[in-house]
Amino acid sequence: MQYEWILDVLTDLKAFAKVNGLTALAEQLDDTSLVAASEIAQFVGETDGGPGTDARSAGKLHRGFATGNNT
């Protein structure tokens, strides 16, 4: 996927924030990751000729990246 690097960067930043006691930032980055996953899923759905992806699918996309080795 063309945009997965964005989610990887956000996941790395969130992990750094957690390790360094920046809890508010870590929570904000988690929210930001959800927004990014939602927008990416919607954009990819629209550019593939289908309808945009709903929030449930975007959440699955986000969780797929958030559970990687970077957390």
PDB file of N, CA and C in Angstrom:
ATOM      1  N   MET A   1       0.841  -1.180   0.000  1.00  0.00           N
ATOM      2  CA  MET A   1       0.000   0.000   0.000  1.00  0.00           C
ATOM      3  C   MET A   1       0.887   1.244   0.000  1.00  0.00           C
ATOM      4  N   GLN A   2       0.509   2.175  -0.781  1.00  0.00           N
ATOM      5  CA  GLN A   2       1.289   3.389  -0.993  1.00  0.00           C
ATOM      6  C   GLN A   2       1.405   4.251   0.265  1.00  0.00           C
ATOM      7  N   TYR A   3       0.411   4.212   1.137  1.00  0.00           N
ATOM      8  CA  TYR A   3       0.368   5.126   2.271  1.00  0.00           C
ATOM      9  C   TYR A   3       0.715   4.488   3.613  1.00  0.00           C
ATOM     10  N   GLU A   4       1.061   3.221   3.635  1.00  0.00           N
ATOM     11  CA  GLU A   4       1.280   2.556   4.914  1.00  0.00           C
ATOM     12  C   GLU A   4       2.431   3.171   5.705  1.00  0.00           C
ATOM     13  N   TRP A   5       3.360   3.821   5.045  1.00  0.00           N
ATOM     14  CA  TRP A   5       4.482   4.438   5.751  1.00  0.00           C
ATOM     15  C   TRP A   5       4.007   5.512   6.720  1.00  0.00           C
ATOM     16  N   ILE A   6       2.917   6.179   6.393  1.00  0.00           N
ATOM     17  CA  ILE A   6       2.392   7.216   7.284  1.00  0.00           C
ATOM     18  C   ILE A   6       1.963   6.590   8.608  1.00  0.00           C
ATOM     19  N   LEU A   7       1.267   5.474   8.526  1.00  0.00           N
ATOM     20  CA  LEU A   7       0.822   4.788   9.736  1.00  0.00           C
ATOM     21  C   LEU A   7       2.007   4.233  10.509  1.00  0.00           C
ATOM     22  N   ASP A   8       3.037   3.764   9.811  1.00  0.00           N
ATOM     23  CA  ASP A   8       4.247   3.279  10.474  1.00  0.00           C
ATOM     24  C   ASP A   8       4.932   4.403  11.255  1.00  0.00           C
ATOM     25  N   VAL A   9       5.025   5.577  10.660  1.00  0.00           N
ATOM     26  CA  VAL A   9       5.654   6.724  11.325  1.00  0.00           C
ATOM     27  C   VAL A   9       4.853   7.116  12.561  1.00  0.00           C
ATOM     28  N   LEU A  10       3.543   7.177  12.429  1.00  0.00           N
ATOM     29  CA  LEU A  10       2.706   7.532  13.578  1.00  0.00           C
ATOM     30  C   LEU A  10       2.847   6.498  14.696  1.00  0.00           C
ATOM     31  N   THR A  11       2.935   5.231  14.341  1.00  0.00           N
ATOM     32  CA  THR A  11       3.115   4.170  15.331  1.00  0.00           C
ATOM     33  C   THR A  11       4.455   4.306  16.039  1.00  0.00           C
ATOM     34  N   ASP A  12       5.513   4.612  15.286  1.00  0.00           N
ATOM     35  CA  ASP A  12       6.829   4.820  15.889  1.00  0.00           C
ATOM     36  C   ASP A  12       6.827   6.018  16.833  1.00  0.00           C
ATOM     37  N   LEU A  13       6.194   7.102  16.414  1.00  0.00           N
ATOM     38  CA  LEU A  13       6.114   8.290  17.264  1.00  0.00           C
ATOM     39  C   LEU A  13       5.338   7.993  18.545  1.00  0.00           C
ATOM     40  N   LYS A  14       4.263   7.229  18.432  1.00  0.00           N
ATOM     41  CA  LYS A  14       3.468   6.874  19.599  1.00  0.00           C
ATOM     42  C   LYS A  14       4.284   6.027  20.566  1.00  0.00           C
ATOM     43  N   ALA A  15       5.038   5.069  20.045  1.00  0.00           N
ATOM     44  CA  ALA A  15       5.887   4.225  20.895  1.00  0.00           C
ATOM     45  C   ALA A  15       6.943   5.070  21.615  1.00  0.00           C
ATOM     46  N   PHE A  16       7.549   6.006  20.905  1.00  0.00           N
ATOM     47  CA  PHE A  16       8.536   6.897  21.507  1.00  0.00           C
ATOM     48  C   PHE A  16       7.900   7.722  22.621  1.00  0.00           C
ATOM     49  N   ALA A  17       6.715   8.253  22.359  1.00  0.00           N
ATOM     50  CA  ALA A  17       6.016   9.072  23.353  1.00  0.00           C
ATOM     51  C   ALA A  17       5.714   8.256  24.606  1.00  0.00           C
ATOM     52  N   LYS A  18       5.245   7.030  24.439  1.00  0.00           N
ATOM     53  CA  LYS A  18       4.941   6.175  25.591  1.00  0.00           C
ATOM     54  C   LYS A  18       6.186   5.898  26.423  1.00  0.00           C
ATOM     55  N   VAL A  19       7.268   5.520  25.765  1.00  0.00           N
ATOM     56  CA  VAL A  19       8.507   5.172  26.462  1.00  0.00           C
ATOM     57  C   VAL A  19       9.065   6.374  27.236  1.00  0.00           C
ATOM     58  N   ASN A  20       8.832   7.552  26.722  1.00  0.00           N
ATOM     59  CA  ASN A  20       9.381   8.753  27.337  1.00  0.00           C
ATOM     60  C   ASN A  20       8.379   9.509  28.205  1.00  0.00           C
ATOM     61  N   GLY A  21       7.288   8.850  28.569  1.00  0.00           N
ATOM     62  CA  GLY A  21       6.337   9.418  29.501  1.00  0.00           C
ATOM     63  C   GLY A  21       5.470  10.537  28.951  1.00  0.00           C
ATOM     64  N   LEU A  22       5.349  10.630  27.643  1.00  0.00           N
ATOM     65  CA  LEU A  22       4.524  11.660  27.015  1.00  0.00           C
ATOM     66  C   LEU A  22       3.146  11.063  26.724  1.00  0.00           C
ATOM     67  N   THR A  23       2.394  10.825  27.783  1.00  0.00           N
ATOM     68  CA  THR A  23       1.147  10.079  27.648  1.00  0.00           C
ATOM     69  C   THR A  23       0.086  10.826  26.841  1.00  0.00           C
ATOM     70  N   ALA A  24      -0.021  12.127  27.044  1.00  0.00           N
ATOM     71  CA  ALA A  24      -1.018  12.890  26.282  1.00  0.00           C
ATOM     72  C   ALA A  24      -0.687  12.855  24.793  1.00  0.00           C
ATOM     73  N   LEU A  25       0.591  12.972  24.478  1.00  0.00           N
ATOM     74  CA  LEU A  25       1.008  12.912  23.072  1.00  0.00           C
ATOM     75  C   LEU A  25       0.730  11.532  22.491  1.00  0.00           C
ATOM     76  N   ALA A  26       1.023  10.488  23.256  1.00  0.00           N
ATOM     77  CA  ALA A  26       0.769   9.123  22.786  1.00  0.00           C
ATOM     78  C   ALA A  26      -0.715   8.918  22.481  1.00  0.00           C
ATOM     79  N   GLU A  27      -1.582   9.432  23.355  1.00  0.00           N
ATOM     80  CA  GLU A  27      -3.017   9.310  23.120  1.00  0.00           C
ATOM     81  C   GLU A  27      -3.443  10.094  21.882  1.00  0.00           C
ATOM     82  N   GLN A  28      -2.883  11.282  21.711  1.00  0.00           N
ATOM     83  CA  GLN A  28      -3.219  12.094  20.543  1.00  0.00           C
ATOM     84  C   GLN A  28      -2.742  11.412  19.258  1.00  0.00           C
ATOM     85  N   LEU A  29      -1.579  10.807  19.301  1.00  0.00           N
ATOM     86  CA  LEU A  29      -1.065  10.108  18.128  1.00  0.00           C
ATOM     87  C   LEU A  29      -1.913   8.882  17.797  1.00  0.00           C
ATOM     88  N   ASP A  30      -2.476   8.247  18.815  1.00  0.00           N
ATOM     89  CA  ASP A  30      -3.390   7.131  18.570  1.00  0.00           C
ATOM     90  C   ASP A  30      -4.623   7.623  17.825  1.00  0.00           C
ATOM     91  N   ASP A  31      -5.175   8.751  18.278  1.00  0.00           N
ATOM     92  CA  ASP A  31      -6.320   9.342  17.576  1.00  0.00           C
ATOM     93  C   ASP A  31      -5.944   9.735  16.149  1.00  0.00           C
ATOM     94  N   THR A  32      -4.761  10.303  16.000  1.00  0.00           N
ATOM     95  CA  THR A  32      -4.288  10.731  14.687  1.00  0.00           C
ATOM     96  C   THR A  32      -4.141   9.535  13.749  1.00  0.00           C
ATOM     97  N   SER A  33      -3.686   8.413  14.286  1.00  0.00           N
ATOM     98  CA  SER A  33      -3.555   7.198  13.478  1.00  0.00           C
ATOM     99  C   SER A  33      -4.907   6.718  12.974  1.00  0.00           C
ATOM    100  N   LEU A  34      -5.929   6.828  13.818  1.00  0.00           N
ATOM    101  CA  LEU A  34      -7.270   6.435  13.394  1.00  0.00           C
ATOM    102  C   LEU A  34      -7.774   7.331  12.273  1.00  0.00           C
ATOM    103  N   VAL A  35      -7.547   8.622  12.402  1.00  0.00           N
ATOM    104  CA  VAL A  35      -7.965   9.563  11.358  1.00  0.00           C
ATOM    105  C   VAL A  35      -7.215   9.253  10.064  1.00  0.00           C
ATOM    106  N   ALA A  36      -5.912   9.033  10.171  1.00  0.00           N
ATOM    107  CA  ALA A  36      -5.112   8.738   8.983  1.00  0.00           C
ATOM    108  C   ALA A  36      -5.589   7.452   8.308  1.00  0.00           C
ATOM    109  N   ALA A  37      -5.812   6.403   9.094  1.00  0.00           N
ATOM    110  CA  ALA A  37      -6.271   5.132   8.522  1.00  0.00           C
ATOM    111  C   ALA A  37      -7.617   5.297   7.836  1.00  0.00           C
ATOM    112  N   SER A  38      -8.500   6.069   8.458  1.00  0.00           N
ATOM    113  CA  SER A  38      -9.816   6.305   7.871  1.00  0.00           C
ATOM    114  C   SER A  38      -9.717   7.042   6.540  1.00  0.00           C
ATOM    115  N   GLU A  39      -8.928   8.098   6.531  1.00  0.00           N
ATOM    116  CA  GLU A  39      -8.795   8.874   5.297  1.00  0.00           C
ATOM    117  C   GLU A  39      -8.094   8.082   4.199  1.00  0.00           C
ATOM    118  N   ILE A  40      -7.089   7.319   4.566  1.00  0.00           N
ATOM    119  CA  ILE A  40      -6.370   6.511   3.578  1.00  0.00           C
ATOM    120  C   ILE A  40      -7.315   5.468   2.988  1.00  0.00           C
ATOM    121  N   ALA A  41      -8.061   4.790   3.862  1.00  0.00           N
ATOM    122  CA  ALA A  41      -8.995   3.764   3.387  1.00  0.00           C
ATOM    123  C   ALA A  41     -10.045   4.374   2.468  1.00  0.00           C
ATOM    124  N   GLN A  42     -10.542   5.544   2.830  1.00  0.00           N
ATOM    125  CA  GLN A  42     -11.544   6.210   2.002  1.00  0.00           C
ATOM    126  C   GLN A  42     -10.942   6.616   0.659  1.00  0.00           C
ATOM    127  N   PHE A  43      -9.755   7.182   0.680  1.00  0.00           N
ATOM    128  CA  PHE A  43      -9.103   7.620  -0.546  1.00  0.00           C
ATOM    129  C   PHE A  43      -8.820   6.437  -1.460  1.00  0.00           C
ATOM    130  N   VAL A  44      -8.299   5.364  -0.904  1.00  0.00           N
ATOM    131  CA  VAL A  44      -7.985   4.180  -1.699  1.00  0.00           C
ATOM    132  C   VAL A  44      -9.259   3.595  -2.288  1.00  0.00           C
ATOM    133  N   GLY A  45     -10.345   3.554  -1.508  1.00  0.00           N
ATOM    134  CA  GLY A  45     -11.618   3.046  -2.016  1.00  0.00           C
ATOM    135  C   GLY A  45     -12.142   3.888  -3.162  1.00  0.00           C
ATOM    136  N   GLU A  46     -12.005   5.200  -3.055  1.00  0.00           N
ATOM    137  CA  GLU A  46     -12.494   6.090  -4.114  1.00  0.00           C
ATOM    138  C   GLU A  46     -11.637   6.000  -5.368  1.00  0.00           C
ATOM    139  N   THR A  47     -10.334   5.870  -5.217  1.00  0.00           N
ATOM    140  CA  THR A  47      -9.458   5.823  -6.387  1.00  0.00           C
ATOM    141  C   THR A  47      -9.499   4.464  -7.082  1.00  0.00           C
ATOM    142  N   ASP A  48      -9.950   3.426  -6.362  1.00  0.00           N
ATOM    143  CA  ASP A  48     -10.090   2.108  -6.976  1.00  0.00           C
ATOM    144  C   ASP A  48     -11.419   1.959  -7.701  1.00  0.00           C
ATOM    145  N   GLY A  49     -12.198   3.027  -7.719  1.00  0.00           N
ATOM    146  CA  GLY A  49     -13.469   2.994  -8.416  1.00  0.00           C
ATOM    147  C   GLY A  49     -14.637   2.538  -7.579  1.00  0.00           C
ATOM    148  N   GLY A  50     -14.373   2.134  -6.344  1.00  0.00           N
ATOM    149  CA  GLY A  50     -15.453   1.699  -5.468  1.00  0.00           C
ATOM    150  C   GLY A  50     -15.820   2.794  -4.496  1.00  0.00           C
ATOM    151  N   PRO A  51     -16.822   2.537  -3.697  1.00  0.00           N
ATOM    152  CA  PRO A  51     -17.193   3.525  -2.688  1.00  0.00           C
ATOM    153  C   PRO A  51     -16.112   3.624  -1.633  1.00  0.00           C
ATOM    154  N   GLY A  52     -16.056   4.742  -0.929  1.00  0.00           N
ATOM    155  CA  GLY A  52     -15.091   4.907   0.153  1.00  0.00           C
ATOM    156  C   GLY A  52     -15.323   3.868   1.238  1.00  0.00           C
ATOM    157  N   THR A  53     -14.291   3.537   1.959  1.00  0.00           N
ATOM    158  CA  THR A  53     -14.368   2.545   3.014  1.00  0.00           C
ATOM    159  C   THR A  53     -15.011   3.149   4.256  1.00  0.00           C
ATOM    160  N   ASP A  54     -15.809   2.348   4.956  1.00  0.00           N
ATOM    161  CA  ASP A  54     -16.453   2.861   6.154  1.00  0.00           C
ATOM    162  C   ASP A  54     -15.497   2.852   7.347  1.00  0.00           C
ATOM    163  N   ALA A  55     -15.923   3.434   8.446  1.00  0.00           N
ATOM    164  CA  ALA A  55     -15.070   3.574   9.625  1.00  0.00           C
ATOM    165  C   ALA A  55     -14.646   2.224  10.190  1.00  0.00           C
ATOM    166  N   ARG A  56     -15.514   1.210  10.118  1.00  0.00           N
ATOM    167  CA  ARG A  56     -15.160  -0.107  10.644  1.00  0.00           C
ATOM    168  C   ARG A  56     -13.970  -0.687   9.883  1.00  0.00           C
ATOM    169  N   SER A  57     -13.990  -0.567   8.566  1.00  0.00           N
ATOM    170  CA  SER A  57     -12.872  -1.067   7.754  1.00  0.00           C
ATOM    171  C   SER A  57     -11.605  -0.281   8.032  1.00  0.00           C
ATOM    172  N   ALA A  58     -11.748   1.010   8.224  1.00  0.00           N
ATOM    173  CA  ALA A  58     -10.586   1.842   8.532  1.00  0.00           C
ATOM    174  C   ALA A  58      -9.988   1.436   9.867  1.00  0.00           C
ATOM    175  N   GLY A  59     -10.837   1.110  10.831  1.00  0.00           N
ATOM    176  CA  GLY A  59     -10.342   0.654  12.130  1.00  0.00           C
ATOM    177  C   GLY A  59      -9.548  -0.627  12.003  1.00  0.00           C
ATOM    178  N   LYS A  60     -10.019  -1.536  11.167  1.00  0.00           N
ATOM    179  CA  LYS A  60      -9.275  -2.776  10.922  1.00  0.00           C
ATOM    180  C   LYS A  60      -7.926  -2.473  10.287  1.00  0.00           C
ATOM    181  N   LEU A  61      -7.918  -1.532   9.357  1.00  0.00           N
ATOM    182  CA  LEU A  61      -6.671  -1.129   8.717  1.00  0.00           C
ATOM    183  C   LEU A  61      -5.705  -0.579   9.762  1.00  0.00           C
ATOM    184  N   HIS A  62      -6.202   0.297  10.626  1.00  0.00           N
ATOM    185  CA  HIS A  62      -5.355   0.885  11.664  1.00  0.00           C
ATOM    186  C   HIS A  62      -4.834  -0.175  12.610  1.00  0.00           C
ATOM    187  N   ARG A  63      -5.704  -1.070  13.093  1.00  0.00           N
ATOM    188  CA  ARG A  63      -5.264  -2.090  14.033  1.00  0.00           C
ATOM    189  C   ARG A  63      -4.240  -3.019  13.399  1.00  0.00           C
ATOM    190  N   GLY A  64      -4.358  -3.250  12.111  1.00  0.00           N
ATOM    191  CA  GLY A  64      -3.382  -4.092  11.433  1.00  0.00           C
ATOM    192  C   GLY A  64      -1.986  -3.499  11.471  1.00  0.00           C
ATOM    193  N   PHE A  65      -1.891  -2.204  11.405  1.00  0.00           N
ATOM    194  CA  PHE A  65      -0.597  -1.537  11.470  1.00  0.00           C
ATOM    195  C   PHE A  65      -0.175  -1.278  12.908  1.00  0.00           C
ATOM    196  N   ALA A  66      -1.108  -0.983  13.774  1.00  0.00           N
ATOM    197  CA  ALA A  66      -0.793  -0.619  15.158  1.00  0.00           C
ATOM    198  C   ALA A  66      -0.304  -1.819  15.952  1.00  0.00           C
ATOM    199  N   THR A  67      -0.598  -3.037  15.527  1.00  0.00           N
ATOM    200  CA  THR A  67      -0.169  -4.212  16.269  1.00  0.00           C
ATOM    201  C   THR A  67       1.154  -4.773  15.776  1.00  0.00           C
ATOM    202  N   GLY A  68       1.827  -4.037  14.925  1.00  0.00           N
ATOM    203  CA  GLY A  68       3.118  -4.468  14.413  1.00  0.00           C
ATOM    204  C   GLY A  68       4.203  -4.395  15.469  1.00  0.00           C
ATOM    205  N   ASN A  69       5.432  -4.616  15.075  1.00  0.00           N
ATOM    206  CA  ASN A  69       6.561  -4.636  15.991  1.00  0.00           C
ATOM    207  C   ASN A  69       6.940  -3.257  16.506  1.00  0.00           C
ATOM    208  N   ASN A  70       6.369  -2.223  15.970  1.00  0.00           N
ATOM    209  CA  ASN A  70       6.761  -0.867  16.356  1.00  0.00           C
ATOM    210  C   ASN A  70       6.083  -0.368  17.613  1.00  0.00           C
ATOM    211  N   THR A  71       5.092  -1.079  18.136  1.00  0.00           N
ATOM    212  CA  THR A  71       4.381  -0.599  19.321  1.00  0.00           C
ATOM    213  C   THR A  71       5.068  -0.992  20.582  1.00  0.00           C
TER     214      THR A  71
END
